[in-house]
Structures are given as structure tokens and as C-alpha cells.
């Protein structure tokens, strides 16, 4: 049986929560005139919100699981894969913060 450090569960949960927030805010921003900047996700945003959310969560969760399984491996013999887990978490935190800012710009308080 594989045993992974409990911190990876926390990182995975936080990343998926931020991914969910990103999906919700992306759909909200698009409904107020914003445009999806990610060319891979852009075709999905224009279609079903459910399909967009499922694909986004599926890709993110699959990537997180893969990174956790490889957490002890090093890239180029220097960079631990676990560093990528923290980088993804930080990236989502920055993205969600940016989307909050965009919501404030598009939907100013009345």
C-alpha cells in the first residue's frame, strides 16, 4: 500500500476548493462580459457551464493526483515534484485573487 504524507491531502483539498472558486467566478465574469483567456478552456466556456466545470475539475484533480503520486520524484535531479504541488496551489490562489479584483471592477458596489 502506498502511503503519502498528510500535507498532500491538505494541498489537494485547498487546490480543488480554489479550482471550484475559479470555475464559479469564471462563469460569473463571463456572464458579465469578460472573455476566457485560456484558449483550451474557451470552447468549453461558451457551451454548457456544467461541462466546463466537469472538465476543469477533472483535469485539475487528475493533475493533482498524478503530482501527489510523483511527489518524491525530482525533475532534472534538482526540483522535487512536490514543489509543483505548492506552485499549482499558489497559482490558483493568485488567480482567484485576480478574479475577485475583476469582479470588483466589473460589478462595483452600489
N, C-alpha and C. Protein backbone atom coordinates (compact mmCIF):
# COMPACT_ATOMS: atom_id res chain seq x y z
N UNK A 1 0.84 -1.17 0.00
CA UNK A 1 0.00 0.00 0.00
C UNK A 1 0.89 1.25 0.00
N UNK A 2 0.53 2.22 -0.82
CA UNK A 2 1.26 3.48 -0.85
C UNK A 2 0.81 4.36 0.31
N UNK A 3 1.77 5.05 0.90
CA UNK A 3 1.46 5.99 1.97
C UNK A 3 2.01 7.35 1.55
N UNK A 4 1.12 8.34 1.58
CA UNK A 4 1.53 9.69 1.19
C UNK A 4 1.37 10.60 2.39
N UNK A 5 2.23 11.57 2.49
CA UNK A 5 2.22 12.48 3.62
C UNK A 5 0.88 13.22 3.70
N UNK A 6 0.33 13.40 4.91
CA UNK A 6 -0.97 14.06 5.07
C UNK A 6 -1.01 15.49 4.51
N UNK A 7 0.13 16.15 4.42
CA UNK A 7 0.12 17.51 3.88
C UNK A 7 -0.38 17.55 2.45
N UNK A 8 -0.19 16.46 1.70
CA UNK A 8 -0.64 16.45 0.31
C UNK A 8 -2.16 16.42 0.24
N UNK A 9 -2.81 15.83 1.23
CA UNK A 9 -4.27 15.87 1.28
C UNK A 9 -4.73 17.31 1.46
N UNK A 10 -4.09 18.03 2.36
CA UNK A 10 -4.45 19.44 2.58
C UNK A 10 -4.20 20.27 1.33
N UNK A 11 -3.06 20.06 0.69
CA UNK A 11 -2.74 20.80 -0.54
C UNK A 11 -3.76 20.47 -1.64
N UNK A 12 -4.11 19.20 -1.76
CA UNK A 12 -5.08 18.78 -2.78
C UNK A 12 -6.45 19.39 -2.52
N UNK A 13 -6.92 19.36 -1.28
CA UNK A 13 -8.23 19.92 -0.96
C UNK A 13 -8.26 21.42 -1.20
N UNK A 14 -7.23 22.12 -0.74
CA UNK A 14 -7.17 23.57 -0.97
C UNK A 14 -7.13 23.90 -2.46
N UNK A 15 -6.36 23.16 -3.21
CA UNK A 15 -6.27 23.40 -4.65
C UNK A 15 -7.62 23.17 -5.32
N UNK A 16 -8.30 22.10 -4.96
CA UNK A 16 -9.60 21.82 -5.58
C UNK A 16 -10.67 22.83 -5.15
N UNK A 17 -10.60 23.32 -3.92
CA UNK A 17 -11.52 24.38 -3.50
C UNK A 17 -11.27 25.66 -4.29
N UNK A 18 -9.99 26.01 -4.47
CA UNK A 18 -9.68 27.19 -5.27
C UNK A 18 -10.06 26.99 -6.74
N UNK A 19 -9.91 25.77 -7.23
CA UNK A 19 -10.32 25.46 -8.61
C UNK A 19 -11.83 25.64 -8.76
N UNK A 20 -12.58 25.20 -7.77
CA UNK A 20 -14.04 25.37 -7.78
C UNK A 20 -14.41 26.86 -7.76
N UNK A 21 -13.73 27.62 -6.91
CA UNK A 21 -13.97 29.06 -6.86
C UNK A 21 -13.63 29.71 -8.19
N UNK A 22 -12.54 29.27 -8.80
CA UNK A 22 -12.15 29.79 -10.11
C UNK A 22 -13.23 29.50 -11.15
N UNK A 23 -13.75 28.29 -11.16
CA UNK A 23 -14.80 27.94 -12.14
C UNK A 23 -16.03 28.81 -11.93
N UNK A 24 -16.46 28.97 -10.69
CA UNK A 24 -17.63 29.79 -10.39
C UNK A 24 -17.42 31.24 -10.78
N UNK A 25 -16.26 31.78 -10.43
CA UNK A 25 -16.00 33.18 -10.77
C UNK A 25 -15.79 33.37 -12.27
N UNK A 26 -15.21 32.40 -12.93
CA UNK A 26 -15.05 32.49 -14.39
C UNK A 26 -16.42 32.58 -15.06
N UNK A 27 -17.34 31.71 -14.66
CA UNK A 27 -18.68 31.73 -15.25
C UNK A 27 -19.40 33.04 -14.91
N UNK A 28 -19.20 33.54 -13.70
CA UNK A 28 -19.82 34.82 -13.31
C UNK A 28 -19.25 35.97 -14.13
N UNK A 29 -17.94 36.00 -14.27
CA UNK A 29 -17.30 37.06 -15.05
C UNK A 29 -17.73 37.01 -16.51
N UNK A 30 -17.81 35.82 -17.06
CA UNK A 30 -18.21 35.70 -18.47
C UNK A 30 -19.65 36.15 -18.67
N UNK A 31 -20.50 35.88 -17.69
CA UNK A 31 -21.89 36.34 -17.80
C UNK A 31 -22.01 37.86 -17.72
N UNK A 32 -20.94 38.52 -17.27
CA UNK A 32 -20.92 39.99 -17.22
C UNK A 32 -20.01 40.60 -18.27
N UNK A 33 -19.67 39.84 -19.30
CA UNK A 33 -18.95 40.40 -20.44
C UNK A 33 -17.47 40.09 -20.53
N UNK A 34 -16.92 39.36 -19.59
CA UNK A 34 -15.50 39.02 -19.66
C UNK A 34 -15.28 37.93 -20.72
N UNK A 35 -14.05 37.70 -21.08
CA UNK A 35 -13.68 36.69 -22.07
C UNK A 35 -12.69 35.73 -21.43
N UNK A 36 -12.85 34.44 -21.71
CA UNK A 36 -11.93 33.42 -21.19
C UNK A 36 -10.57 33.58 -21.87
N UNK A 37 -9.52 33.74 -21.08
CA UNK A 37 -8.18 33.95 -21.62
C UNK A 37 -7.48 32.64 -22.00
N UNK A 38 -7.89 31.53 -21.39
CA UNK A 38 -7.26 30.24 -21.66
C UNK A 38 -7.82 29.68 -22.97
N UNK A 39 -6.99 29.57 -24.01
CA UNK A 39 -7.51 29.11 -25.31
C UNK A 39 -8.01 27.66 -25.28
N UNK A 40 -7.54 26.84 -24.34
CA UNK A 40 -8.01 25.46 -24.26
C UNK A 40 -9.38 25.36 -23.61
N UNK A 41 -9.67 26.25 -22.68
CA UNK A 41 -10.95 26.21 -21.98
C UNK A 41 -12.01 27.08 -22.66
N UNK A 42 -11.59 27.99 -23.54
CA UNK A 42 -12.52 28.92 -24.18
C UNK A 42 -13.67 28.22 -24.90
N UNK A 43 -13.43 27.14 -25.67
CA UNK A 43 -14.57 26.48 -26.32
C UNK A 43 -15.56 25.89 -25.31
N UNK A 44 -15.07 25.46 -24.17
CA UNK A 44 -15.96 24.86 -23.18
C UNK A 44 -16.81 25.90 -22.46
N UNK A 45 -16.27 27.09 -22.27
CA UNK A 45 -17.00 28.13 -21.55
C UNK A 45 -18.23 28.56 -22.33
N UNK A 46 -18.12 28.61 -23.64
CA UNK A 46 -19.25 29.03 -24.46
C UNK A 46 -20.37 28.00 -24.50
N UNK A 47 -20.09 26.78 -24.14
CA UNK A 47 -21.10 25.73 -24.15
C UNK A 47 -21.79 25.60 -22.80
N UNK A 48 -21.88 24.41 -22.35
CA UNK A 48 -22.55 24.11 -21.09
C UNK A 48 -21.67 24.47 -19.89
N UNK A 49 -22.21 25.24 -18.93
CA UNK A 49 -21.44 25.52 -17.70
C UNK A 49 -21.10 24.24 -16.93
N UNK A 50 -22.00 23.26 -16.97
CA UNK A 50 -21.75 22.00 -16.29
C UNK A 50 -20.57 21.27 -16.92
N UNK A 51 -20.53 21.21 -18.25
CA UNK A 51 -19.43 20.54 -18.94
C UNK A 51 -18.11 21.26 -18.67
N UNK A 52 -18.14 22.59 -18.70
CA UNK A 52 -16.94 23.38 -18.39
C UNK A 52 -16.42 23.03 -17.00
N UNK A 53 -17.31 23.01 -16.02
CA UNK A 53 -16.92 22.74 -14.64
C UNK A 53 -16.41 21.32 -14.48
N UNK A 54 -17.07 20.35 -15.11
CA UNK A 54 -16.64 18.96 -15.01
C UNK A 54 -15.26 18.75 -15.63
N UNK A 55 -15.04 19.32 -16.79
CA UNK A 55 -13.73 19.18 -17.45
C UNK A 55 -12.65 19.86 -16.62
N UNK A 56 -12.93 21.07 -16.15
CA UNK A 56 -11.96 21.81 -15.35
C UNK A 56 -11.60 21.05 -14.08
N UNK A 57 -12.60 20.57 -13.35
CA UNK A 57 -12.35 19.84 -12.11
C UNK A 57 -11.67 18.50 -12.40
N UNK A 58 -12.06 17.85 -13.49
CA UNK A 58 -11.45 16.57 -13.85
C UNK A 58 -9.97 16.71 -14.19
N UNK A 59 -9.64 17.72 -14.99
CA UNK A 59 -8.24 17.95 -15.35
C UNK A 59 -7.41 18.33 -14.13
N UNK A 60 -7.96 19.21 -13.30
CA UNK A 60 -7.21 19.63 -12.11
C UNK A 60 -7.03 18.49 -11.14
N UNK A 61 -8.08 17.75 -10.86
CA UNK A 61 -7.97 16.65 -9.89
C UNK A 61 -7.05 15.55 -10.42
N UNK A 62 -7.13 15.27 -11.71
CA UNK A 62 -6.22 14.28 -12.29
C UNK A 62 -4.77 14.71 -12.20
N UNK A 63 -4.52 15.98 -12.45
CA UNK A 63 -3.16 16.50 -12.34
C UNK A 63 -2.65 16.48 -10.91
N UNK A 64 -3.52 16.82 -9.97
CA UNK A 64 -3.12 16.82 -8.55
C UNK A 64 -2.80 15.40 -8.09
N UNK A 65 -3.65 14.45 -8.45
CA UNK A 65 -3.39 13.05 -8.07
C UNK A 65 -2.07 12.57 -8.66
N UNK A 66 -1.81 12.89 -9.91
CA UNK A 66 -0.56 12.49 -10.55
C UNK A 66 0.64 13.11 -9.84
N UNK A 67 0.54 14.40 -9.51
CA UNK A 67 1.65 15.06 -8.81
C UNK A 67 1.87 14.47 -7.42
N UNK A 68 0.79 14.11 -6.73
CA UNK A 68 0.94 13.50 -5.41
C UNK A 68 1.63 12.14 -5.53
N UNK A 69 1.24 11.35 -6.53
CA UNK A 69 1.88 10.05 -6.72
C UNK A 69 3.37 10.19 -7.02
N UNK A 70 3.76 11.29 -7.63
CA UNK A 70 5.15 11.52 -8.00
C UNK A 70 5.85 12.51 -7.07
N UNK A 71 5.27 12.79 -5.91
CA UNK A 71 5.77 13.85 -5.02
C UNK A 71 7.23 13.67 -4.61
N UNK A 72 7.70 12.43 -4.54
CA UNK A 72 9.07 12.19 -4.09
C UNK A 72 10.09 12.19 -5.23
N UNK A 73 9.60 12.31 -6.45
CA UNK A 73 10.46 12.30 -7.63
C UNK A 73 11.04 13.70 -7.82
N UNK A 74 12.21 13.76 -8.43
CA UNK A 74 12.84 15.05 -8.74
C UNK A 74 12.89 15.25 -10.25
N UNK A 75 12.63 16.46 -10.65
CA UNK A 75 12.72 16.83 -12.07
C UNK A 75 14.12 17.37 -12.31
N UNK A 76 14.79 16.86 -13.32
CA UNK A 76 16.16 17.27 -13.65
C UNK A 76 17.10 17.10 -12.46
N UNK A 77 16.81 16.14 -11.63
CA UNK A 77 17.60 15.79 -10.45
C UNK A 77 17.70 16.91 -9.41
N UNK A 78 16.91 17.96 -9.57
CA UNK A 78 17.01 19.09 -8.66
C UNK A 78 15.68 19.49 -8.05
N UNK A 79 14.67 19.64 -8.87
CA UNK A 79 13.39 20.21 -8.43
C UNK A 79 12.45 19.08 -8.02
N UNK A 80 12.05 19.03 -6.74
CA UNK A 80 11.10 17.99 -6.35
C UNK A 80 9.73 18.27 -6.94
N UNK A 81 9.05 17.22 -7.36
CA UNK A 81 7.70 17.36 -7.92
C UNK A 81 6.77 17.99 -6.87
N UNK A 82 7.06 17.74 -5.61
CA UNK A 82 6.23 18.33 -4.55
C UNK A 82 6.22 19.86 -4.65
N UNK A 83 7.30 20.45 -5.14
CA UNK A 83 7.35 21.89 -5.35
C UNK A 83 6.27 22.33 -6.34
N UNK A 84 6.00 21.49 -7.33
CA UNK A 84 4.95 21.80 -8.31
C UNK A 84 3.57 21.83 -7.66
N UNK A 85 3.36 20.97 -6.67
CA UNK A 85 2.08 20.97 -5.96
C UNK A 85 1.85 22.32 -5.29
N UNK A 86 2.87 22.83 -4.63
CA UNK A 86 2.76 24.13 -3.98
C UNK A 86 2.63 25.25 -5.02
N UNK A 87 3.30 25.10 -6.16
CA UNK A 87 3.22 26.10 -7.21
C UNK A 87 1.81 26.17 -7.79
N UNK A 88 1.18 25.02 -8.00
CA UNK A 88 -0.20 24.99 -8.51
C UNK A 88 -1.14 25.63 -7.49
N UNK A 89 -0.97 25.31 -6.22
CA UNK A 89 -1.79 25.90 -5.17
C UNK A 89 -1.63 27.42 -5.15
N UNK A 90 -0.40 27.89 -5.19
CA UNK A 90 -0.14 29.33 -5.20
C UNK A 90 -0.72 29.98 -6.46
N UNK A 91 -0.57 29.30 -7.60
CA UNK A 91 -1.13 29.83 -8.85
C UNK A 91 -2.63 30.00 -8.78
N UNK A 92 -3.33 29.01 -8.23
CA UNK A 92 -4.78 29.14 -8.08
C UNK A 92 -5.14 30.24 -7.10
N UNK A 93 -4.38 30.40 -6.03
CA UNK A 93 -4.66 31.46 -5.06
C UNK A 93 -4.53 32.83 -5.72
N UNK A 94 -3.47 33.01 -6.50
CA UNK A 94 -3.28 34.28 -7.21
C UNK A 94 -4.40 34.49 -8.23
N UNK A 95 -4.76 33.46 -8.96
CA UNK A 95 -5.82 33.56 -9.96
C UNK A 95 -7.16 33.94 -9.33
N UNK A 96 -7.49 33.30 -8.23
CA UNK A 96 -8.76 33.61 -7.56
C UNK A 96 -8.73 35.04 -7.02
N UNK A 97 -7.60 35.46 -6.48
CA UNK A 97 -7.47 36.85 -6.03
C UNK A 97 -7.67 37.83 -7.18
N UNK A 98 -7.08 37.53 -8.32
CA UNK A 98 -7.25 38.37 -9.51
C UNK A 98 -8.71 38.41 -9.96
N UNK A 99 -9.38 37.27 -9.91
CA UNK A 99 -10.79 37.23 -10.31
C UNK A 99 -11.66 38.03 -9.34
N UNK A 100 -11.33 37.99 -8.05
CA UNK A 100 -12.05 38.84 -7.09
C UNK A 100 -11.88 40.31 -7.46
N UNK A 101 -10.66 40.68 -7.83
CA UNK A 101 -10.40 42.05 -8.25
C UNK A 101 -11.21 42.39 -9.49
N UNK A 102 -11.24 41.48 -10.48
CA UNK A 102 -12.02 41.71 -11.68
C UNK A 102 -13.51 41.86 -11.37
N UNK A 103 -14.02 41.04 -10.46
CA UNK A 103 -15.42 41.17 -10.05
C UNK A 103 -15.68 42.55 -9.47
N UNK A 104 -14.76 43.06 -8.70
CA UNK A 104 -14.90 44.40 -8.13
C UNK A 104 -14.92 45.48 -9.21
N UNK A 105 -14.14 45.26 -10.29
CA UNK A 105 -14.10 46.23 -11.38
C UNK A 105 -15.37 46.15 -12.22
N UNK A 106 -15.81 44.93 -12.54
CA UNK A 106 -17.00 44.76 -13.39
C UNK A 106 -18.30 45.01 -12.63
N UNK A 107 -18.31 44.69 -11.36
CA UNK A 107 -19.52 44.83 -10.55
C UNK A 107 -19.24 45.73 -9.36
N UNK A 108 -19.05 47.03 -9.59
CA UNK A 108 -18.72 47.91 -8.47
C UNK A 108 -19.87 47.95 -7.47
N UNK A 109 -19.56 48.14 -6.19
CA UNK A 109 -20.63 48.19 -5.17
C UNK A 109 -21.54 49.38 -5.44
N UNK A 110 -22.85 49.16 -5.19
CA UNK A 110 -23.78 50.26 -5.49
C UNK A 110 -23.99 51.18 -4.32
